[in-house]
Amino acid sequence: GLWRIWLTSGEPGDLLDCNYYGNHPPHIGDSLRL
């Protein structure tokens, strides 16, 4: 029932991980703020 979204900040080993509850997820390559 939810989207698991993973984002990179460009630093090796760093990873942003969040939940998203919309019907459609952000596109791969989208830049997002959290």
PDB file of all heavy atoms in Angstrom:
ATOM      1  N   GLY A   1       0.765  -1.239   0.000  1.00  0.00           N
ATOM      2  CA  GLY A   1       0.000   0.000   0.000  1.00  0.00           C
ATOM      3  C   GLY A   1       0.794   1.286   0.000  1.00  0.00           C
ATOM      4  O   GLY A   1       0.204   2.376   0.085  1.00  0.00           O
ATOM      5  N   LEU A   2       2.126   1.203  -0.082  1.00  0.00           N
ATOM      6  CA  LEU A   2       2.915   2.426  -0.140  1.00  0.00           C
ATOM      7  C   LEU A   2       4.112   2.218  -1.062  1.00  0.00           C
ATOM      8  O   LEU A   2       4.475   1.097  -1.418  1.00  0.00           O
ATOM      9  CB  LEU A   2       3.390   2.851   1.260  1.00  0.00           C
ATOM     10  CG  LEU A   2       4.247   1.855   2.073  1.00  0.00           C
ATOM     11  CD1 LEU A   2       5.722   1.927   1.690  1.00  0.00           C
ATOM     12  CD2 LEU A   2       4.090   2.129   3.560  1.00  0.00           C
ATOM     13  N   TRP A   3       4.683   3.347  -1.481  1.00  0.00           N
ATOM     14  CA  TRP A   3       5.901   3.302  -2.296  1.00  0.00           C
ATOM     15  C   TRP A   3       7.119   3.481  -1.404  1.00  0.00           C
ATOM     16  O   TRP A   3       7.161   4.390  -0.573  1.00  0.00           O
ATOM     17  CB  TRP A   3       5.874   4.420  -3.345  1.00  0.00           C
ATOM     18  CG  TRP A   3       4.826   4.225  -4.395  1.00  0.00           C
ATOM     19  CD1 TRP A   3       3.564   4.738  -4.404  1.00  0.00           C
ATOM     20  CD2 TRP A   3       4.964   3.451  -5.590  1.00  0.00           C
ATOM     21  NE1 TRP A   3       2.897   4.338  -5.528  1.00  0.00           N
ATOM     22  CE2 TRP A   3       3.722   3.543  -6.281  1.00  0.00           C
ATOM     23  CE3 TRP A   3       5.993   2.692  -6.150  1.00  0.00           C
ATOM     24  CZ2 TRP A   3       3.501   2.909  -7.492  1.00  0.00           C
ATOM     25  CZ3 TRP A   3       5.769   2.055  -7.355  1.00  0.00           C
ATOM     26  CH2 TRP A   3       4.539   2.160  -8.018  1.00  0.00           C
ATOM     27  N   ARG A   4       8.084   2.590  -1.555  1.00  0.00           N
ATOM     28  CA  ARG A   4       9.374   2.759  -0.904  1.00  0.00           C
ATOM     29  C   ARG A   4      10.291   3.475  -1.890  1.00  0.00           C
ATOM     30  O   ARG A   4      10.560   2.966  -2.977  1.00  0.00           O
ATOM     31  CB  ARG A   4       9.962   1.405  -0.516  1.00  0.00           C
ATOM     32  CG  ARG A   4       9.154   0.665   0.528  1.00  0.00           C
ATOM     33  CD  ARG A   4       9.764  -0.704   0.819  1.00  0.00           C
ATOM     34  NE  ARG A   4       9.049  -1.384   1.892  1.00  0.00           N
ATOM     35  CZ  ARG A   4       9.319  -2.616   2.303  1.00  0.00           C
ATOM     36  NH1 ARG A   4      10.298  -3.310   1.715  1.00  0.00           N
ATOM     37  NH2 ARG A   4       8.627  -3.172   3.281  1.00  0.00           N
ATOM     38  N   ILE A   5      10.749   4.640  -1.499  1.00  0.00           N
ATOM     39  CA  ILE A   5      11.555   5.473  -2.389  1.00  0.00           C
ATOM     40  C   ILE A   5      12.984   5.547  -1.858  1.00  0.00           C
ATOM     41  O   ILE A   5      13.208   5.827  -0.680  1.00  0.00           O
ATOM     42  CB  ILE A   5      10.983   6.909  -2.476  1.00  0.00           C
ATOM     43  CG1 ILE A   5       9.495   6.869  -2.833  1.00  0.00           C
ATOM     44  CG2 ILE A   5      11.768   7.728  -3.497  1.00  0.00           C
ATOM     45  CD1 ILE A   5       9.193   6.280  -4.189  1.00  0.00           C
ATOM     46  N   TRP A   6      13.943   5.278  -2.752  1.00  0.00           N
ATOM     47  CA  TRP A   6      15.355   5.425  -2.403  1.00  0.00           C
ATOM     48  C   TRP A   6      15.970   6.527  -3.262  1.00  0.00           C
ATOM     49  O   TRP A   6      15.700   6.613  -4.465  1.00  0.00           O
ATOM     50  CB  TRP A   6      16.118   4.120  -2.633  1.00  0.00           C
ATOM     51  CG  TRP A   6      15.776   3.049  -1.634  1.00  0.00           C
ATOM     52  CD1 TRP A   6      16.338   2.850  -0.413  1.00  0.00           C
ATOM     53  CD2 TRP A   6      14.798   2.014  -1.778  1.00  0.00           C
ATOM     54  NE1 TRP A   6      15.776   1.763   0.220  1.00  0.00           N
ATOM     55  CE2 TRP A   6      14.830   1.230  -0.596  1.00  0.00           C
ATOM     56  CE3 TRP A   6      13.885   1.679  -2.791  1.00  0.00           C
ATOM     57  CZ2 TRP A   6      13.990   0.137  -0.403  1.00  0.00           C
ATOM     58  CZ3 TRP A   6      13.043   0.593  -2.599  1.00  0.00           C
ATOM     59  CH2 TRP A   6      13.110  -0.168  -1.414  1.00  0.00           C
ATOM     60  N   LEU A   7      16.778   7.379  -2.614  1.00  0.00           N
ATOM     61  CA  LEU A   7      17.420   8.490  -3.302  1.00  0.00           C
ATOM     62  C   LEU A   7      18.904   8.507  -2.965  1.00  0.00           C
ATOM     63  O   LEU A   7      19.321   8.059  -1.889  1.00  0.00           O
ATOM     64  CB  LEU A   7      16.794   9.837  -2.893  1.00  0.00           C
ATOM     65  CG  LEU A   7      15.278   9.991  -2.997  1.00  0.00           C
ATOM     66  CD1 LEU A   7      14.622   9.685  -1.657  1.00  0.00           C
ATOM     67  CD2 LEU A   7      14.897  11.407  -3.454  1.00  0.00           C
ATOM     68  N   THR A   8      19.690   9.043  -3.882  1.00  0.00           N
ATOM     69  CA  THR A   8      21.119   9.200  -3.639  1.00  0.00           C
ATOM     70  C   THR A   8      21.468  10.682  -3.590  1.00  0.00           C
ATOM     71  O   THR A   8      20.847  11.497  -4.272  1.00  0.00           O
ATOM     72  CB  THR A   8      21.954   8.511  -4.734  1.00  0.00           C
ATOM     73  OG1 THR A   8      23.341   8.723  -4.463  1.00  0.00           O
ATOM     74  CG2 THR A   8      21.639   9.076  -6.118  1.00  0.00           C
ATOM     75  N   SER A   9      22.460  10.984  -2.773  1.00  0.00           N
ATOM     76  CA  SER A   9      22.957  12.362  -2.705  1.00  0.00           C
ATOM     77  C   SER A   9      24.297  12.480  -3.428  1.00  0.00           C
ATOM     78  O   SER A   9      24.905  13.548  -3.425  1.00  0.00           O
ATOM     79  CB  SER A   9      23.120  12.777  -1.242  1.00  0.00           C
ATOM     80  OG  SER A   9      24.037  11.907  -0.596  1.00  0.00           O
ATOM     81  N   GLY A  10      24.755  11.384  -4.017  1.00  0.00           N
ATOM     82  CA  GLY A  10      26.006  11.411  -4.766  1.00  0.00           C
ATOM     83  C   GLY A  10      27.215  10.933  -4.003  1.00  0.00           C
ATOM     84  O   GLY A  10      28.253  10.630  -4.598  1.00  0.00           O
ATOM     85  N   GLU A  11      27.124  10.840  -2.696  1.00  0.00           N
ATOM     86  CA  GLU A  11      28.244  10.380  -1.870  1.00  0.00           C
ATOM     87  C   GLU A  11      28.177   8.859  -1.715  1.00  0.00           C
ATOM     88  O   GLU A  11      27.140   8.311  -1.321  1.00  0.00           O
ATOM     89  CB  GLU A  11      28.169  11.038  -0.488  1.00  0.00           C
ATOM     90  CG  GLU A  11      29.208  10.566   0.511  1.00  0.00           C
ATOM     91  CD  GLU A  11      30.613  11.054   0.207  1.00  0.00           C
ATOM     92  OE1 GLU A  11      30.757  11.997  -0.603  1.00  0.00           O
ATOM     93  OE2 GLU A  11      31.564  10.496   0.786  1.00  0.00           O
ATOM     94  N   PRO A  12      29.251   8.133  -2.042  1.00  0.00           N
ATOM     95  CA  PRO A  12      29.234   6.667  -1.893  1.00  0.00           C
ATOM     96  C   PRO A  12      28.861   6.250  -0.479  1.00  0.00           C
ATOM     97  O   PRO A  12      29.391   6.780   0.495  1.00  0.00           O
ATOM     98  CB  PRO A  12      30.667   6.254  -2.229  1.00  0.00           C
ATOM     99  CG  PRO A  12      31.182   7.353  -3.102  1.00  0.00           C
ATOM    100  CD  PRO A  12      30.540   8.610  -2.587  1.00  0.00           C
ATOM    101  N   GLY A  13      27.924   5.310  -0.375  1.00  0.00           N
ATOM    102  CA  GLY A  13      27.487   4.823   0.926  1.00  0.00           C
ATOM    103  C   GLY A  13      26.315   5.583   1.502  1.00  0.00           C
ATOM    104  O   GLY A  13      25.593   5.062   2.359  1.00  0.00           O
ATOM    105  N   ASP A  14      26.065   6.815   1.055  1.00  0.00           N
ATOM    106  CA  ASP A  14      24.929   7.589   1.547  1.00  0.00           C
ATOM    107  C   ASP A  14      23.655   7.178   0.809  1.00  0.00           C
ATOM    108  O   ASP A  14      23.680   6.922  -0.399  1.00  0.00           O
ATOM    109  CB  ASP A  14      25.169   9.088   1.353  1.00  0.00           C
ATOM    110  CG  ASP A  14      26.120   9.659   2.390  1.00  0.00           C
ATOM    111  OD1 ASP A  14      26.657   8.871   3.187  1.00  0.00           O
ATOM    112  OD2 ASP A  14      26.326  10.889   2.398  1.00  0.00           O
ATOM    113  N   LEU A  15      22.548   7.122   1.531  1.00  0.00           N
ATOM    114  CA  LEU A  15      21.282   6.702   0.946  1.00  0.00           C
ATOM    115  C   LEU A  15      20.139   7.355   1.704  1.00  0.00           C
ATOM    116  O   LEU A  15      20.124   7.379   2.937  1.00  0.00           O
ATOM    117  CB  LEU A  15      21.137   5.173   1.040  1.00  0.00           C
ATOM    118  CG  LEU A  15      19.879   4.568   0.426  1.00  0.00           C
ATOM    119  CD1 LEU A  15      19.952   4.645  -1.098  1.00  0.00           C
ATOM    120  CD2 LEU A  15      19.714   3.114   0.865  1.00  0.00           C
ATOM    121  N   LEU A  16      19.188   7.912   0.943  1.00  0.00           N
ATOM    122  CA  LEU A  16      17.976   8.478   1.520  1.00  0.00           C
ATOM    123  C   LEU A  16      16.831   7.499   1.278  1.00  0.00           C
ATOM    124  O   LEU A  16      16.650   7.024   0.160  1.00  0.00           O
ATOM    125  CB  LEU A  16      17.658   9.837   0.892  1.00  0.00           C
ATOM    126  CG  LEU A  16      18.723  10.924   1.114  1.00  0.00           C
ATOM    127  CD1 LEU A  16      18.633  11.998   0.049  1.00  0.00           C
ATOM    128  CD2 LEU A  16      18.563  11.536   2.489  1.00  0.00           C
ATOM    129  N   ASP A  17      16.062   7.207   2.315  1.00  0.00           N
ATOM    130  CA  ASP A  17      15.031   6.173   2.255  1.00  0.00           C
ATOM    131  C   ASP A  17      13.757   6.734   2.879  1.00  0.00           C
ATOM    132  O   ASP A  17      13.751   7.125   4.057  1.00  0.00           O
ATOM    133  CB  ASP A  17      15.517   4.942   3.024  1.00  0.00           C
ATOM    134  CG  ASP A  17      14.584   3.754   2.909  1.00  0.00           C
ATOM    135  OD1 ASP A  17      13.405   3.940   2.547  1.00  0.00           O
ATOM    136  OD2 ASP A  17      15.023   2.625   3.200  1.00  0.00           O
ATOM    137  N   CYS A  18      12.669   6.783   2.107  1.00  0.00           N
ATOM    138  CA  CYS A  18      11.428   7.322   2.648  1.00  0.00           C
ATOM    139  C   CYS A  18      10.223   6.595   2.073  1.00  0.00           C
ATOM    140  O   CYS A  18      10.321   5.864   1.075  1.00  0.00           O
ATOM    141  CB  CYS A  18      11.309   8.826   2.382  1.00  0.00           C
ATOM    142  SG  CYS A  18      11.076   9.266   0.646  1.00  0.00           S
ATOM    143  N   ASN A  19       9.068   6.788   2.710  1.00  0.00           N
ATOM    144  CA  ASN A  19       7.809   6.234   2.231  1.00  0.00           C
ATOM    145  C   ASN A  19       7.028   7.307   1.488  1.00  0.00           C
ATOM    146  O   ASN A  19       7.078   8.489   1.840  1.00  0.00           O
ATOM    147  CB  ASN A  19       6.970   5.724   3.406  1.00  0.00           C
ATOM    148  CG  ASN A  19       7.637   4.582   4.140  1.00  0.00           C
ATOM    149  OD1 ASN A  19       8.373   3.794   3.545  1.00  0.00           O
ATOM    150  ND2 ASN A  19       7.376   4.476   5.433  1.00  0.00           N
ATOM    151  N   TYR A  20       6.284   6.871   0.457  1.00  0.00           N
ATOM    152  CA  TYR A  20       5.472   7.801  -0.335  1.00  0.00           C
ATOM    153  C   TYR A  20       4.111   7.151  -0.557  1.00  0.00           C
ATOM    154  O   TYR A  20       4.034   5.982  -0.940  1.00  0.00           O
ATOM    155  CB  TYR A  20       6.165   8.090  -1.669  1.00  0.00           C
ATOM    156  CG  TYR A  20       5.401   9.021  -2.571  1.00  0.00           C
ATOM    157  CD1 TYR A  20       5.279  10.375  -2.262  1.00  0.00           C
ATOM    158  CD2 TYR A  20       4.803   8.551  -3.732  1.00  0.00           C
ATOM    159  CE1 TYR A  20       4.581  11.230  -3.091  1.00  0.00           C
ATOM    160  CE2 TYR A  20       4.101   9.405  -4.570  1.00  0.00           C
ATOM    161  CZ  TYR A  20       3.988  10.750  -4.240  1.00  0.00           C
ATOM    162  OH  TYR A  20       3.289  11.598  -5.068  1.00  0.00           O
ATOM    163  N   TYR A  21       3.040   7.912  -0.312  1.00  0.00           N
ATOM    164  CA  TYR A  21       1.697   7.331  -0.305  1.00  0.00           C
ATOM    165  C   TYR A  21       0.843   7.755  -1.492  1.00  0.00           C
ATOM    166  O   TYR A  21      -0.356   7.486  -1.529  1.00  0.00           O
ATOM    167  CB  TYR A  21       0.983   7.699   1.001  1.00  0.00           C
ATOM    168  CG  TYR A  21       1.653   7.106   2.221  1.00  0.00           C
ATOM    169  CD1 TYR A  21       2.633   7.816   2.912  1.00  0.00           C
ATOM    170  CD2 TYR A  21       1.321   5.827   2.660  1.00  0.00           C
ATOM    171  CE1 TYR A  21       3.261   7.265   4.017  1.00  0.00           C
ATOM    172  CE2 TYR A  21       1.946   5.268   3.766  1.00  0.00           C
ATOM    173  CZ  TYR A  21       2.907   5.993   4.443  1.00  0.00           C
ATOM    174  OH  TYR A  21       3.537   5.449   5.537  1.00  0.00           O
ATOM    175  N   GLY A  22       1.427   8.399  -2.496  1.00  0.00           N
ATOM    176  CA  GLY A  22       0.668   8.789  -3.672  1.00  0.00           C
ATOM    177  C   GLY A  22       0.350   7.602  -4.574  1.00  0.00           C
ATOM    178  O   GLY A  22       0.865   6.498  -4.413  1.00  0.00           O
ATOM    179  N   ASN A  23      -0.513   7.829  -5.556  1.00  0.00           N
ATOM    180  CA  ASN A  23      -0.887   6.759  -6.494  1.00  0.00           C
ATOM    181  C   ASN A  23       0.262   6.397  -7.430  1.00  0.00           C
ATOM    182  O   ASN A  23       0.384   5.252  -7.856  1.00  0.00           O
ATOM    183  CB  ASN A  23      -2.105   7.179  -7.319  1.00  0.00           C
ATOM    184  CG  ASN A  23      -3.375   7.246  -6.478  1.00  0.00           C
ATOM    185  OD1 ASN A  23      -3.517   6.495  -5.515  1.00  0.00           O
ATOM    186  ND2 ASN A  23      -4.274   8.159  -6.814  1.00  0.00           N
ATOM    187  N   HIS A  24       1.083   7.389  -7.756  1.00  0.00           N
ATOM    188  CA  HIS A  24       2.197   7.149  -8.675  1.00  0.00           C
ATOM    189  C   HIS A  24       3.483   7.685  -8.036  1.00  0.00           C
ATOM    190  O   HIS A  24       3.503   8.776  -7.475  1.00  0.00           O
ATOM    191  CB  HIS A  24       1.948   7.842 -10.013  1.00  0.00           C
ATOM    192  CG  HIS A  24       0.674   7.410 -10.668  1.00  0.00           C
ATOM    193  ND1 HIS A  24       0.513   6.186 -11.267  1.00  0.00           N
ATOM    194  CD2 HIS A  24      -0.525   8.041 -10.780  1.00  0.00           C
ATOM    195  CE1 HIS A  24      -0.711   6.074 -11.740  1.00  0.00           C
ATOM    196  NE2 HIS A  24      -1.367   7.194 -11.464  1.00  0.00           N
ATOM    197  N   PRO A  25       4.558   6.937  -8.129  1.00  0.00           N
ATOM    198  CA  PRO A  25       5.807   7.359  -7.479  1.00  0.00           C
ATOM    199  C   PRO A  25       6.509   8.436  -8.287  1.00  0.00           C
ATOM    200  O   PRO A  25       6.212   8.649  -9.475  1.00  0.00           O
ATOM    201  CB  PRO A  25       6.631   6.067  -7.486  1.00  0.00           C
ATOM    202  CG  PRO A  25       6.205   5.384  -8.750  1.00  0.00           C
ATOM    203  CD  PRO A  25       4.729   5.663  -8.868  1.00  0.00           C
ATOM    204  N   PRO A  26       7.448   9.140  -7.673  1.00  0.00           N
ATOM    205  CA  PRO A  26       8.304  10.046  -8.450  1.00  0.00           C
ATOM    206  C   PRO A  26       9.063   9.252  -9.505  1.00  0.00           C
ATOM    207  O   PRO A  26       9.259   8.037  -9.376  1.00  0.00           O
ATOM    208  CB  PRO A  26       9.250  10.621  -7.391  1.00  0.00           C
ATOM    209  CG  PRO A  26       8.594  10.370  -6.075  1.00  0.00           C
ATOM    210  CD  PRO A  26       7.800   9.126  -6.248  1.00  0.00           C
ATOM    211  N   HIS A  27       9.511   9.924 -10.553  1.00  0.00           N
ATOM    212  CA  HIS A  27      10.247   9.259 -11.626  1.00  0.00           C
ATOM    213  C   HIS A  27      11.713   9.073 -11.233  1.00  0.00           C
ATOM    214  O   HIS A  27      12.285   9.879 -10.486  1.00  0.00           O
ATOM    215  CB  HIS A  27      10.173  10.091 -12.919  1.00  0.00           C
ATOM    216  CG  HIS A  27       8.790  10.161 -13.481  1.00  0.00           C
ATOM    217  ND1 HIS A  27       7.959  11.232 -13.245  1.00  0.00           N
ATOM    218  CD2 HIS A  27       8.110   9.293 -14.260  1.00  0.00           C
ATOM    219  CE1 HIS A  27       6.803  11.032 -13.865  1.00  0.00           C
ATOM    220  NE2 HIS A  27       6.865   9.855 -14.480  1.00  0.00           N
ATOM    221  N   ILE A  28      12.290   8.005 -11.737  1.00  0.00           N
ATOM    222  CA  ILE A  28      13.718   7.798 -11.545  1.00  0.00           C
ATOM    223  C   ILE A  28      14.468   8.994 -12.149  1.00  0.00           C
ATOM    224  O   ILE A  28      14.192   9.418 -13.272  1.00  0.00           O
ATOM    225  CB  ILE A  28      14.186   6.495 -12.229  1.00  0.00           C
ATOM    226  CG1 ILE A  28      13.381   5.306 -11.717  1.00  0.00           C
ATOM    227  CG2 ILE A  28      15.675   6.287 -12.003  1.00  0.00           C
ATOM    228  CD1 ILE A  28      13.488   5.058 -10.242  1.00  0.00           C
ATOM    229  N   GLY A  29      15.396   9.543 -11.390  1.00  0.00           N
ATOM    230  CA  GLY A  29      16.144  10.709 -11.840  1.00  0.00           C
ATOM    231  C   GLY A  29      15.579  12.028 -11.334  1.00  0.00           C
ATOM    232  O   GLY A  29      16.250  13.066 -11.451  1.00  0.00           O
ATOM    233  N   ASP A  30      14.354  12.028 -10.764  1.00  0.00           N
ATOM    234  CA  ASP A  30      13.787  13.251 -10.198  1.00  0.00           C
ATOM    235  C   ASP A  30      14.614  13.703  -8.995  1.00  0.00           C
ATOM    236  O   ASP A  30      15.068  12.886  -8.186  1.00  0.00           O
ATOM    237  CB  ASP A  30      12.351  13.027  -9.733  1.00  0.00           C
ATOM    238  CG  ASP A  30      11.354  13.028 -10.880  1.00  0.00           C
ATOM    239  OD1 ASP A  30      11.775  13.296 -12.027  1.00  0.00           O
ATOM    240  OD2 ASP A  30      10.166  12.758 -10.634  1.00  0.00           O
ATOM    241  N   SER A  31      14.783  15.001  -8.878  1.00  0.00           N
ATOM    242  CA  SER A  31      15.445  15.578  -7.712  1.00  0.00           C
ATOM    243  C   SER A  31      14.363  16.009  -6.721  1.00  0.00           C
ATOM    244  O   SER A  31      13.451  16.764  -7.078  1.00  0.00           O
ATOM    245  CB  SER A  31      16.309  16.775  -8.122  1.00  0.00           C
ATOM    246  OG  SER A  31      16.967  17.322  -6.995  1.00  0.00           O
ATOM    247  N   LEU A  32      14.445  15.528  -5.490  1.00  0.00           N
ATOM    248  CA  LEU A  32      13.412  15.800  -4.493  1.00  0.00           C
ATOM    249  C   LEU A  32      14.042  16.331  -3.208  1.00  0.00           C
ATOM    250  O   LEU A  32      15.190  16.030  -2.887  1.00  0.00           O
ATOM    251  CB  LEU A  32      12.634  14.524  -4.163  1.00  0.00           C
ATOM    252  CG  LEU A  32      11.959  13.788  -5.321  1.00  0.00           C
ATOM    253  CD1 LEU A  32      11.348  12.490  -4.821  1.00  0.00           C
ATOM    254  CD2 LEU A  32      10.894  14.669  -5.957  1.00  0.00           C
ATOM    255  N   ARG A  33      13.237  17.119  -2.495  1.00  0.00           N
ATOM    256  CA  ARG A  33      13.661  17.597  -1.183  1.00  0.00           C
ATOM    257  C   ARG A  33      12.857  16.860  -0.111  1.00  0.00           C
ATOM    258  O   ARG A  33      11.705  16.494  -0.305  1.00  0.00           O
ATOM    259  CB  ARG A  33      13.479  19.107  -1.062  1.00  0.00           C
ATOM    260  CG  ARG A  33      14.284  19.894  -2.100  1.00  0.00           C
ATOM    261  CD  ARG A  33      14.481  21.337  -1.657  1.00  0.00           C
ATOM    262  NE  ARG A  33      15.413  21.435  -0.539  1.00  0.00           N
ATOM    263  CZ  ARG A  33      16.737  21.547  -0.677  1.00  0.00           C
ATOM    264  NH1 ARG A  33      17.295  21.568  -1.890  1.00  0.00           N
ATOM    265  NH2 ARG A  33      17.505  21.658   0.395  1.00  0.00           N
ATOM    266  N   LEU A  34      13.505  16.649   1.041  1.00  0.00           N
ATOM    267  CA  LEU A  34      12.883  15.901   2.120  1.00  0.00           C
ATOM    268  C   LEU A  34      13.081  16.597   3.457  1.00  0.00           C
ATOM    269  O   LEU A  34      14.075  17.290   3.666  1.00  0.00           O
ATOM    270  CB  LEU A  34      13.461  14.483   2.211  1.00  0.00           C
ATOM    271  CG  LEU A  34      13.348  13.619   0.960  1.00  0.00           C
ATOM    272  CD1 LEU A  34      14.679  13.619   0.207  1.00  0.00           C
ATOM    273  CD2 LEU A  34      12.953  12.206   1.318  1.00  0.00           C
TER     274      LEU A  34
END
